[in-house]
Protein backbone atom coordinates (compact mmCIF):
# COMPACT_ATOMS: atom_id res chain seq x y z
CA MET A 1 140.53 127.22 80.27
CA ASN A 2 137.03 128.08 81.51
CA ASN A 3 136.64 124.65 83.10
CA LEU A 4 139.96 125.09 84.86
CA LEU A 5 138.88 128.42 86.34
CA ALA A 6 135.46 127.03 87.27
CA GLY A 7 137.16 124.15 89.06
CA ALA A 8 139.47 126.50 90.96
CA ILE A 9 136.54 128.70 92.01
CA MET A 10 134.56 125.60 93.00
CA MET A 11 137.43 124.30 95.10
CA GLY A 12 137.88 127.68 96.77
CA SER A 13 134.17 127.93 97.55
CA LEU A 14 134.09 124.46 99.07
CA VAL A 15 137.19 125.15 101.18
CA ILE A 16 135.59 128.34 102.46
CA ALA A 17 132.40 126.35 103.22
CA LEU A 18 134.43 123.88 105.28
CA PHE A 19 136.14 126.78 107.05
CA PHE A 20 132.78 128.25 108.12
CA LEU A 21 131.47 124.79 109.00
CA ARG A 22 134.39 124.35 111.40
CA PHE A 23 133.48 127.62 113.12
CA TRP A 24 129.84 126.56 113.29
CA ARG A 25 130.80 123.29 114.99
CA SER A 26 132.78 125.11 117.66
CA THR A 27 130.34 127.98 118.32
CA ARG A 28 126.94 126.61 117.17
CA ASP A 29 126.18 130.07 115.79
CA ARG A 30 123.78 129.90 112.84
CA PHE A 31 125.62 132.80 111.23
CA PHE A 32 128.49 130.47 110.33
CA LEU A 33 126.10 127.72 109.21
CA TYR A 34 124.35 130.06 106.77
CA PHE A 35 127.67 131.20 105.36
CA ALA A 36 128.82 127.58 104.98
CA LEU A 37 125.60 126.66 103.16
CA SER A 38 125.93 129.68 100.89
CA PHE A 39 129.47 128.85 99.85
CA PHE A 40 128.56 125.18 99.40
CA ILE A 41 125.73 126.20 97.05
CA GLN A 42 128.11 128.45 95.13
CA GLY A 43 130.69 125.66 94.84
CA ALA A 44 128.13 123.14 93.62
CA HIS A 45 126.79 125.72 91.21
CA ARG A 46 130.25 126.08 89.62
CA LEU A 47 130.50 122.31 89.19
CA TYR A 48 127.19 121.85 87.39
CA PRO A 49 127.82 123.93 84.23
CA ALA A 50 131.38 122.61 83.93
CA LEU A 51 130.14 119.02 83.83
CA ARG A 52 127.29 119.71 81.43
CA ASP A 53 129.26 121.97 79.05
CA GLU A 54 126.65 124.69 79.05
CA GLY A 55 126.82 128.42 79.61
CA GLU A 56 125.69 130.40 82.58
CA ASP A 57 123.13 132.54 80.82
CA SER A 58 119.91 130.79 81.85
CA PRO A 59 117.68 132.30 84.56
CA LEU A 60 118.20 129.24 86.76
CA HIS A 61 121.85 130.15 87.30
CA TYR A 62 120.90 133.61 88.48
CA LEU A 63 118.25 132.21 90.84
CA ILE A 64 120.79 129.84 92.40
CA ARG A 65 123.20 132.73 92.95
CA LEU A 66 120.36 134.84 94.35
CA ALA A 67 119.57 132.07 96.86
CA ALA A 68 123.22 131.83 97.91
CA TYR A 69 123.59 135.58 98.34
CA GLY A 70 120.21 135.71 100.05
CA LEU A 71 121.51 133.28 102.67
CA ILE A 72 124.43 135.62 103.35
CA LEU A 73 122.11 138.60 103.68
CA TRP A 74 119.77 136.63 105.93
CA ALA A 75 122.69 135.60 108.17
CA ILE A 76 123.84 139.21 108.52
CA TRP A 77 120.31 140.44 109.16
CA GLU A 78 119.61 137.74 111.75
CA LYS A 79 122.93 138.38 113.52
CA ASN A 80 122.11 142.08 113.88
CA MET A 81 118.62 141.53 115.28
CA PRO A 82 118.13 142.22 118.99
CA GLN A 83 118.46 139.15 121.23
CA LYS A 84 114.79 139.25 122.37
CA THR A 85 113.31 138.82 118.90
CA ARG A 86 115.60 136.02 117.68
CA GLY A 87 113.65 133.23 119.37
């Protein structure tokens, strides 16, 4: 049952990543690219423990999630910066 739920979450994350990637292609706004990368990382992260039959209690799993959520925070922070300092 856990593998079934992990697969459903993985599929949802990858669909959301494709959704944001489509918006990035039409607008070329890095905000959407960062969100797409974050959801792709989260989807791949759900696939890895399901294939290896291991739990999610190692520190590596938390670091991967921290990187994915950090991308989301970075995208929001960068989007709210003034136009002059974005470069």
